[in-house]
Amino acid sequence: MTSLLPKPKILAIGGAGIKIATRLRDSSLQDFDILGFDLTATPAPFEVLSIGGGNLEFFGSGGDPDVTHRAAEERKAEIEAKLHGTSLIYIIAGLGGGTASALAPVIAEAATKSGALVFAFVSLPFAIEGSRRQTQAKEALSQLRQSGAVVITLPNDILLRWAPE
């Protein structure tokens, strides 16, 4: 039986998001369309929109969300076109670095403006990763919440509970 509803879309943002979505796709999420967003041409078993250009295509943002934000603004119309017609979106991203920290809020805002219901599942850096990544993650989290998305966080430090001693 064919559904009249569009498939939900998973948006995998940045390296961590793409890795997680790849694992999900390989497991059992065949009823979802998956689309990746990154600065570089990241290989994945689904379409990845590279929003970088020039040196960004090869070197990424160097951990600077401002670099990614400028690139995203230049490609905003293309990003919006990729989201058009989708009513339910799940964003998967790891905050704290330069790519997802800038892209996730921009994409979430574009998706909510298009009328989609947006859920963002984001991981936060390990404490050992330092104050810069923690600060970038907190700023991105604040912007993501302002976008209208429902945000669910996973602090990476929780994973240490299950690590062998």
N, C-alpha and C. Protein backbone atom coordinates (compact mmCIF):
# COMPACT_ATOMS: atom_id res chain seq x y z
N MET A 1 0.84 -1.17 0.00
CA MET A 1 0.00 0.00 0.00
C MET A 1 0.90 1.24 0.00
N THR A 2 0.59 2.17 -0.85
CA THR A 2 1.37 3.39 -0.98
C THR A 2 0.80 4.46 -0.08
N SER A 3 1.67 5.13 0.68
CA SER A 3 1.23 6.20 1.57
C SER A 3 1.09 7.49 0.79
N LEU A 4 0.09 8.29 1.13
CA LEU A 4 -0.09 9.59 0.51
C LEU A 4 0.73 10.66 1.20
N LEU A 5 1.27 10.35 2.37
CA LEU A 5 2.09 11.30 3.10
C LEU A 5 3.52 11.23 2.60
N PRO A 6 4.19 12.39 2.54
CA PRO A 6 5.60 12.34 2.14
C PRO A 6 6.43 11.65 3.19
N LYS A 7 7.54 11.05 2.76
CA LYS A 7 8.45 10.41 3.70
C LYS A 7 9.07 11.47 4.60
N PRO A 8 9.23 11.14 5.88
CA PRO A 8 10.00 12.04 6.74
C PRO A 8 11.42 12.12 6.19
N LYS A 9 12.09 13.22 6.46
CA LYS A 9 13.44 13.40 5.96
C LYS A 9 14.40 13.53 7.13
N ILE A 10 15.50 12.80 7.07
CA ILE A 10 16.58 12.94 8.03
C ILE A 10 17.63 13.82 7.39
N LEU A 11 18.01 14.88 8.09
CA LEU A 11 19.07 15.77 7.62
C LEU A 11 20.30 15.52 8.48
N ALA A 12 21.31 14.96 7.88
CA ALA A 12 22.56 14.64 8.57
C ALA A 12 23.51 15.82 8.33
N ILE A 13 23.91 16.49 9.41
CA ILE A 13 24.68 17.71 9.25
C ILE A 13 26.07 17.53 9.83
N GLY A 14 27.08 17.81 9.01
CA GLY A 14 28.47 17.71 9.45
C GLY A 14 28.92 16.27 9.53
N GLY A 15 30.19 16.10 9.88
CA GLY A 15 30.79 14.77 9.91
C GLY A 15 30.10 13.82 10.86
N ALA A 16 29.81 14.25 12.09
CA ALA A 16 29.17 13.36 13.07
C ALA A 16 27.76 12.99 12.60
N GLY A 17 27.01 13.96 12.11
CA GLY A 17 25.65 13.68 11.65
C GLY A 17 25.62 12.69 10.50
N ILE A 18 26.56 12.85 9.58
CA ILE A 18 26.62 11.95 8.43
C ILE A 18 27.01 10.54 8.86
N LYS A 19 27.93 10.42 9.80
CA LYS A 19 28.32 9.10 10.29
C LYS A 19 27.15 8.41 10.98
N ILE A 20 26.42 9.15 11.81
CA ILE A 20 25.28 8.57 12.52
C ILE A 20 24.19 8.16 11.53
N ALA A 21 23.87 9.03 10.58
CA ALA A 21 22.83 8.71 9.60
C ALA A 21 23.21 7.52 8.73
N THR A 22 24.48 7.37 8.44
CA THR A 22 24.95 6.22 7.66
C THR A 22 24.68 4.93 8.44
N ARG A 23 24.98 4.96 9.75
CA ARG A 23 24.70 3.78 10.58
C ARG A 23 23.20 3.50 10.65
N LEU A 24 22.39 4.54 10.79
CA LEU A 24 20.94 4.36 10.84
C LEU A 24 20.42 3.77 9.52
N ARG A 25 20.91 4.29 8.41
CA ARG A 25 20.48 3.81 7.11
C ARG A 25 20.86 2.35 6.93
N ASP A 26 22.04 1.99 7.38
CA ASP A 26 22.49 0.61 7.25
C ASP A 26 21.72 -0.34 8.16
N SER A 27 21.07 0.20 9.20
CA SER A 27 20.31 -0.67 10.09
C SER A 27 18.91 -0.90 9.55
N SER A 28 17.99 0.04 9.77
CA SER A 28 16.62 -0.28 9.36
C SER A 28 15.78 0.92 8.96
N LEU A 29 16.36 2.04 8.70
CA LEU A 29 15.56 3.22 8.38
C LEU A 29 15.37 3.40 6.87
N GLN A 30 14.70 2.47 6.27
CA GLN A 30 14.48 2.52 4.83
C GLN A 30 13.30 3.43 4.45
N ASP A 31 12.44 3.76 5.42
CA ASP A 31 11.28 4.58 5.12
C ASP A 31 11.56 6.07 5.23
N PHE A 32 12.81 6.43 5.35
CA PHE A 32 13.19 7.82 5.47
C PHE A 32 14.07 8.23 4.29
N ASP A 33 13.87 9.44 3.82
CA ASP A 33 14.83 10.03 2.89
C ASP A 33 15.92 10.65 3.75
N ILE A 34 17.17 10.43 3.39
CA ILE A 34 18.29 10.99 4.14
C ILE A 34 19.04 11.93 3.21
N LEU A 35 19.34 13.11 3.72
CA LEU A 35 20.10 14.10 2.98
C LEU A 35 21.17 14.65 3.89
N GLY A 36 22.40 14.68 3.42
CA GLY A 36 23.50 15.20 4.21
C GLY A 36 23.87 16.61 3.80
N PHE A 37 24.39 17.37 4.74
CA PHE A 37 24.91 18.71 4.49
C PHE A 37 26.29 18.79 5.12
N ASP A 38 27.27 19.21 4.35
CA ASP A 38 28.62 19.34 4.88
C ASP A 38 29.35 20.40 4.05
N LEU A 39 30.51 20.82 4.55
CA LEU A 39 31.32 21.76 3.78
C LEU A 39 32.11 21.05 2.70
N THR A 40 32.48 19.83 2.96
CA THR A 40 33.33 19.08 2.04
C THR A 40 32.51 18.01 1.34
N ALA A 41 33.06 17.43 0.33
CA ALA A 41 32.40 16.37 -0.42
C ALA A 41 32.56 15.06 0.35
N THR A 42 31.79 14.90 1.39
CA THR A 42 31.87 13.72 2.25
C THR A 42 31.22 12.52 1.58
N PRO A 43 31.94 11.41 1.46
CA PRO A 43 31.31 10.22 0.87
C PRO A 43 30.28 9.63 1.82
N ALA A 44 29.13 9.29 1.29
CA ALA A 44 28.06 8.69 2.09
C ALA A 44 27.15 7.89 1.16
N PRO A 45 26.38 6.96 1.71
CA PRO A 45 25.47 6.17 0.87
C PRO A 45 24.15 6.90 0.58
N PHE A 46 24.16 8.21 0.68
CA PHE A 46 23.00 9.04 0.36
C PHE A 46 23.55 10.38 -0.15
N GLU A 47 22.67 11.20 -0.68
CA GLU A 47 23.09 12.49 -1.23
C GLU A 47 23.62 13.40 -0.12
N VAL A 48 24.76 14.04 -0.38
CA VAL A 48 25.32 15.02 0.54
C VAL A 48 25.52 16.32 -0.24
N LEU A 49 24.85 17.36 0.21
CA LEU A 49 25.00 18.67 -0.41
C LEU A 49 26.22 19.35 0.20
N SER A 50 27.23 19.55 -0.62
CA SER A 50 28.43 20.23 -0.17
C SER A 50 28.21 21.73 -0.33
N ILE A 51 28.16 22.44 0.78
CA ILE A 51 27.93 23.88 0.69
C ILE A 51 29.23 24.66 0.65
N GLY A 52 30.34 23.95 0.73
CA GLY A 52 31.63 24.62 0.65
C GLY A 52 31.96 24.93 -0.80
N GLY A 53 33.02 25.58 -0.98
CA GLY A 53 33.53 25.89 -2.31
C GLY A 53 34.96 26.33 -2.13
N GLY A 54 35.71 26.29 -3.19
CA GLY A 54 37.10 26.71 -3.11
C GLY A 54 37.85 25.93 -2.05
N ASN A 55 38.55 26.63 -1.17
CA ASN A 55 39.33 25.99 -0.12
C ASN A 55 38.46 25.24 0.89
N LEU A 56 37.22 25.71 1.11
CA LEU A 56 36.34 25.03 2.06
C LEU A 56 36.06 23.60 1.62
N GLU A 57 35.98 23.38 0.32
CA GLU A 57 35.70 22.06 -0.21
C GLU A 57 36.76 21.05 0.22
N PHE A 58 37.99 21.52 0.40
CA PHE A 58 39.08 20.61 0.74
C PHE A 58 39.47 20.64 2.21
N PHE A 59 39.36 21.82 2.83
CA PHE A 59 39.89 21.97 4.18
C PHE A 59 38.83 22.17 5.26
N GLY A 60 37.58 22.35 4.88
CA GLY A 60 36.54 22.59 5.87
C GLY A 60 36.65 23.99 6.47
N SER A 61 36.06 24.16 7.64
CA SER A 61 35.99 25.49 8.26
C SER A 61 37.10 25.75 9.25
N GLY A 62 37.91 24.75 9.55
CA GLY A 62 38.94 24.93 10.57
C GLY A 62 38.36 25.11 11.95
N GLY A 63 37.14 24.59 12.16
CA GLY A 63 36.50 24.70 13.47
C GLY A 63 35.83 26.03 13.72
N ASP A 64 35.72 26.88 12.69
CA ASP A 64 35.16 28.23 12.84
C ASP A 64 33.73 28.27 12.28
N PRO A 65 32.71 28.35 13.15
CA PRO A 65 31.33 28.39 12.67
C PRO A 65 31.03 29.60 11.78
N ASP A 66 31.74 30.71 11.96
CA ASP A 66 31.48 31.89 11.12
C ASP A 66 31.79 31.61 9.66
N VAL A 67 32.83 30.84 9.40
CA VAL A 67 33.18 30.46 8.02
C VAL A 67 32.03 29.65 7.40
N THR A 68 31.53 28.70 8.15
CA THR A 68 30.42 27.86 7.67
C THR A 68 29.16 28.69 7.49
N HIS A 69 28.88 29.59 8.42
CA HIS A 69 27.67 30.41 8.34
C HIS A 69 27.66 31.25 7.06
N ARG A 70 28.80 31.83 6.73
CA ARG A 70 28.89 32.63 5.49
C ARG A 70 28.63 31.75 4.26
N ALA A 71 29.20 30.56 4.26
CA ALA A 71 28.98 29.64 3.13
C ALA A 71 27.51 29.23 3.04
N ALA A 72 26.88 28.99 4.19
CA ALA A 72 25.47 28.59 4.21
C ALA A 72 24.57 29.72 3.69
N GLU A 73 24.88 30.94 4.06
CA GLU A 73 24.09 32.08 3.59
C GLU A 73 24.17 32.21 2.07
N GLU A 74 25.35 31.92 1.50
CA GLU A 74 25.52 31.99 0.05
C GLU A 74 24.71 30.91 -0.67
N ARG A 75 24.45 29.80 -0.01
CA ARG A 75 23.73 28.67 -0.63
C ARG A 75 22.33 28.49 -0.04
N LYS A 76 21.82 29.53 0.63
CA LYS A 76 20.54 29.41 1.34
C LYS A 76 19.38 29.00 0.41
N ALA A 77 19.33 29.56 -0.79
CA ALA A 77 18.25 29.22 -1.71
C ALA A 77 18.29 27.74 -2.09
N GLU A 78 19.49 27.20 -2.28
CA GLU A 78 19.63 25.79 -2.61
C GLU A 78 19.23 24.91 -1.43
N ILE A 79 19.60 25.33 -0.22
CA ILE A 79 19.22 24.59 0.98
C ILE A 79 17.71 24.56 1.11
N GLU A 80 17.07 25.71 0.94
CA GLU A 80 15.61 25.80 1.05
C GLU A 80 14.92 24.94 0.00
N ALA A 81 15.47 24.90 -1.20
CA ALA A 81 14.89 24.07 -2.26
C ALA A 81 14.93 22.58 -1.90
N LYS A 82 16.01 22.15 -1.23
CA LYS A 82 16.14 20.75 -0.83
C LYS A 82 15.12 20.37 0.26
N LEU A 83 14.64 21.36 1.01
CA LEU A 83 13.71 21.10 2.11
C LEU A 83 12.25 21.26 1.68
N HIS A 84 12.03 21.84 0.54
CA HIS A 84 10.67 22.15 0.07
C HIS A 84 9.80 20.90 0.00
N GLY A 85 8.60 21.02 0.53
CA GLY A 85 7.62 19.93 0.44
C GLY A 85 7.76 18.86 1.50
N THR A 86 8.67 19.03 2.44
CA THR A 86 8.83 18.04 3.50
C THR A 86 8.12 18.54 4.75
N SER A 87 7.26 17.73 5.32
CA SER A 87 6.48 18.17 6.47
C SER A 87 7.06 17.74 7.81
N LEU A 88 7.96 16.75 7.81
CA LEU A 88 8.56 16.25 9.04
C LEU A 88 10.05 16.03 8.82
N ILE A 89 10.86 16.73 9.61
CA ILE A 89 12.31 16.68 9.43
C ILE A 89 12.98 16.34 10.76
N TYR A 90 13.94 15.41 10.68
CA TYR A 90 14.79 15.08 11.82
C TYR A 90 16.21 15.53 11.48
N ILE A 91 16.76 16.38 12.31
CA ILE A 91 18.14 16.83 12.14
C ILE A 91 19.02 16.02 13.09
N ILE A 92 20.14 15.53 12.56
CA ILE A 92 21.12 14.82 13.38
C ILE A 92 22.45 15.55 13.21
N ALA A 93 23.02 16.00 14.32
CA ALA A 93 24.26 16.76 14.24
C ALA A 93 25.04 16.66 15.54
N GLY A 94 26.32 16.86 15.43
CA GLY A 94 27.20 16.97 16.59
C GLY A 94 27.64 18.41 16.71
N LEU A 95 27.26 19.07 17.79
CA LEU A 95 27.58 20.49 17.95
C LEU A 95 28.95 20.66 18.61
N GLY A 96 29.54 21.82 18.38
CA GLY A 96 30.82 22.15 18.99
C GLY A 96 31.90 22.46 17.98
N GLY A 97 31.80 21.88 16.80
CA GLY A 97 32.78 22.15 15.75
C GLY A 97 32.32 23.29 14.87
N GLY A 98 32.97 23.44 13.74
CA GLY A 98 32.67 24.57 12.87
C GLY A 98 31.56 24.34 11.87
N THR A 99 31.25 23.10 11.54
CA THR A 99 30.26 22.84 10.49
C THR A 99 28.84 22.78 11.05
N ALA A 100 28.55 21.77 11.84
CA ALA A 100 27.18 21.59 12.33
C ALA A 100 26.75 22.72 13.26
N SER A 101 27.68 23.31 13.99
CA SER A 101 27.32 24.40 14.90
C SER A 101 26.73 25.58 14.15
N ALA A 102 27.16 25.80 12.92
CA ALA A 102 26.61 26.88 12.11
C ALA A 102 25.47 26.41 11.22
N LEU A 103 25.60 25.22 10.62
CA LEU A 103 24.60 24.75 9.67
C LEU A 103 23.29 24.32 10.32
N ALA A 104 23.34 23.65 11.45
CA ALA A 104 22.11 23.13 12.06
C ALA A 104 21.09 24.24 12.32
N PRO A 105 21.47 25.37 12.94
CA PRO A 105 20.47 26.43 13.14
C PRO A 105 19.94 27.03 11.84
N VAL A 106 20.80 27.21 10.84
CA VAL A 106 20.38 27.78 9.56
C VAL A 106 19.38 26.85 8.88
N ILE A 107 19.69 25.56 8.87
CA ILE A 107 18.82 24.58 8.22
C ILE A 107 17.51 24.42 8.99
N ALA A 108 17.58 24.39 10.31
CA ALA A 108 16.36 24.27 11.13
C ALA A 108 15.44 25.46 10.90
N GLU A 109 16.01 26.64 10.82
CA GLU A 109 15.19 27.83 10.58
C GLU A 109 14.53 27.78 9.21
N ALA A 110 15.29 27.39 8.20
CA ALA A 110 14.73 27.27 6.85
C ALA A 110 13.61 26.23 6.81
N ALA A 111 13.80 25.12 7.52
CA ALA A 111 12.80 24.05 7.54
C ALA A 111 11.52 24.48 8.25
N THR A 112 11.65 25.16 9.39
CA THR A 112 10.45 25.60 10.10
C THR A 112 9.72 26.67 9.31
N LYS A 113 10.45 27.54 8.63
CA LYS A 113 9.81 28.57 7.80
C LYS A 113 9.05 27.95 6.63
N SER A 114 9.49 26.78 6.18
CA SER A 114 8.79 26.10 5.08
C SER A 114 7.55 25.36 5.58
N GLY A 115 7.35 25.36 6.90
CA GLY A 115 6.17 24.71 7.47
C GLY A 115 6.41 23.32 8.02
N ALA A 116 7.63 22.86 8.01
CA ALA A 116 7.93 21.52 8.51
C ALA A 116 8.00 21.50 10.03
N LEU A 117 7.65 20.37 10.59
CA LEU A 117 7.87 20.11 12.01
C LEU A 117 9.29 19.57 12.12
N VAL A 118 10.12 20.20 12.95
CA VAL A 118 11.55 19.87 12.99
C VAL A 118 11.94 19.39 14.38
N PHE A 119 12.55 18.21 14.41
CA PHE A 119 13.15 17.66 15.62
C PHE A 119 14.65 17.60 15.39
N ALA A 120 15.42 18.15 16.30
CA ALA A 120 16.88 18.12 16.19
C ALA A 120 17.45 17.26 17.31
N PHE A 121 18.19 16.24 16.93
CA PHE A 121 18.89 15.38 17.87
C PHE A 121 20.36 15.73 17.75
N VAL A 122 20.90 16.35 18.80
CA VAL A 122 22.27 16.85 18.72
C VAL A 122 23.11 16.34 19.88
N SER A 123 24.36 16.03 19.57
CA SER A 123 25.29 15.67 20.63
C SER A 123 26.11 16.88 21.00
N LEU A 124 26.53 16.91 22.26
CA LEU A 124 27.36 17.99 22.78
C LEU A 124 28.75 17.44 23.06
N PRO A 125 29.78 18.27 22.95
CA PRO A 125 31.16 17.76 23.08
C PRO A 125 31.46 17.16 24.45
N PHE A 126 32.44 16.27 24.45
CA PHE A 126 32.98 15.77 25.71
C PHE A 126 33.63 16.95 26.44
N ALA A 127 33.60 16.95 27.75
CA ALA A 127 34.20 18.03 28.55
C ALA A 127 35.69 18.17 28.23
N ILE A 128 36.33 17.05 27.97
CA ILE A 128 37.77 17.07 27.70
C ILE A 128 38.11 17.78 26.38
N GLU A 129 37.11 18.02 25.52
CA GLU A 129 37.37 18.68 24.25
C GLU A 129 37.66 20.17 24.39
N GLY A 130 37.45 20.72 25.56
CA GLY A 130 37.86 22.10 25.80
C GLY A 130 36.73 23.11 25.77
N SER A 131 37.07 24.29 26.28
CA SER A 131 36.07 25.33 26.45
C SER A 131 35.61 25.94 25.12
N ARG A 132 36.49 25.98 24.12
CA ARG A 132 36.09 26.56 22.83
C ARG A 132 34.94 25.76 22.22
N ARG A 133 35.08 24.45 22.16
CA ARG A 133 34.03 23.62 21.58
C ARG A 133 32.76 23.66 22.44
N GLN A 134 32.93 23.71 23.77
CA GLN A 134 31.77 23.81 24.66
C GLN A 134 31.00 25.11 24.39
N THR A 135 31.74 26.21 24.27
CA THR A 135 31.12 27.51 24.02
C THR A 135 30.41 27.53 22.67
N GLN A 136 31.07 27.01 21.63
CA GLN A 136 30.45 26.95 20.31
C GLN A 136 29.19 26.10 20.33
N ALA A 137 29.22 25.00 21.07
CA ALA A 137 28.05 24.13 21.15
C ALA A 137 26.90 24.84 21.86
N LYS A 138 27.19 25.56 22.95
CA LYS A 138 26.14 26.28 23.68
C LYS A 138 25.51 27.37 22.82
N GLU A 139 26.33 28.09 22.06
CA GLU A 139 25.80 29.13 21.18
C GLU A 139 24.94 28.51 20.08
N ALA A 140 25.41 27.42 19.50
CA ALA A 140 24.63 26.75 18.46
C ALA A 140 23.32 26.20 19.01
N LEU A 141 23.37 25.65 20.21
CA LEU A 141 22.17 25.11 20.85
C LEU A 141 21.14 26.22 21.07
N SER A 142 21.59 27.37 21.52
CA SER A 142 20.69 28.51 21.73
C SER A 142 20.05 28.93 20.40
N GLN A 143 20.85 29.03 19.35
CA GLN A 143 20.32 29.42 18.03
C GLN A 143 19.37 28.36 17.50
N LEU A 144 19.69 27.11 17.73
CA LEU A 144 18.84 26.02 17.27
C LEU A 144 17.47 26.07 17.96
N ARG A 145 17.48 26.33 19.24
CA ARG A 145 16.21 26.43 19.97
C ARG A 145 15.38 27.62 19.49
N GLN A 146 16.03 28.71 19.10
CA GLN A 146 15.33 29.89 18.60
C GLN A 146 14.74 29.66 17.21
N SER A 147 15.22 28.65 16.51
CA SER A 147 14.76 28.38 15.14
C SER A 147 13.36 27.80 15.09
N GLY A 148 12.86 27.34 16.21
CA GLY A 148 11.54 26.72 16.24
C GLY A 148 11.60 25.20 16.25
N ALA A 149 12.79 24.64 16.25
CA ALA A 149 12.93 23.18 16.28
C ALA A 149 12.75 22.66 17.69
N VAL A 150 12.27 21.43 17.80
CA VAL A 150 12.26 20.72 19.07
C VAL A 150 13.66 20.10 19.19
N VAL A 151 14.38 20.45 20.25
CA VAL A 151 15.78 20.05 20.37
C VAL A 151 15.95 19.02 21.49
N ILE A 152 16.60 17.93 21.15
CA ILE A 152 16.91 16.88 22.12
C ILE A 152 18.43 16.73 22.13
N THR A 153 19.02 16.89 23.30
CA THR A 153 20.48 16.86 23.38
C THR A 153 20.99 15.56 24.00
N LEU A 154 22.18 15.20 23.60
CA LEU A 154 22.90 14.07 24.18
C LEU A 154 24.30 14.56 24.50
N PRO A 155 24.56 14.89 25.76
CA PRO A 155 25.94 15.24 26.13
C PRO A 155 26.82 14.01 25.99
N ASN A 156 27.90 14.12 25.22
CA ASN A 156 28.77 12.97 24.99
C ASN A 156 29.33 12.38 26.27
N ASP A 157 29.47 13.19 27.32
CA ASP A 157 30.02 12.67 28.58
C ASP A 157 29.16 11.55 29.16
N ILE A 158 27.89 11.51 28.81
CA ILE A 158 27.02 10.42 29.28
C ILE A 158 27.53 9.08 28.76
N LEU A 159 28.12 9.09 27.58
CA LEU A 159 28.63 7.85 27.00
C LEU A 159 29.75 7.22 27.84
N LEU A 160 30.42 8.05 28.60
CA LEU A 160 31.52 7.54 29.43
C LEU A 160 31.03 6.60 30.52
N ARG A 161 29.76 6.68 30.86
CA ARG A 161 29.19 5.78 31.87
C ARG A 161 29.28 4.32 31.44
N TRP A 162 29.25 4.08 30.13
CA TRP A 162 29.26 2.72 29.64
C TRP A 162 30.64 2.27 29.16
N ALA A 163 31.61 3.15 29.25
CA ALA A 163 32.96 2.80 28.82
C ALA A 163 33.62 1.87 29.83
N PRO A 164 34.35 0.89 29.35
CA PRO A 164 35.03 0.00 30.28
C PRO A 164 36.11 0.76 31.05
N GLU A 165 36.29 0.39 32.30
CA GLU A 165 37.27 1.08 33.14
C GLU A 165 38.64 0.51 33.00
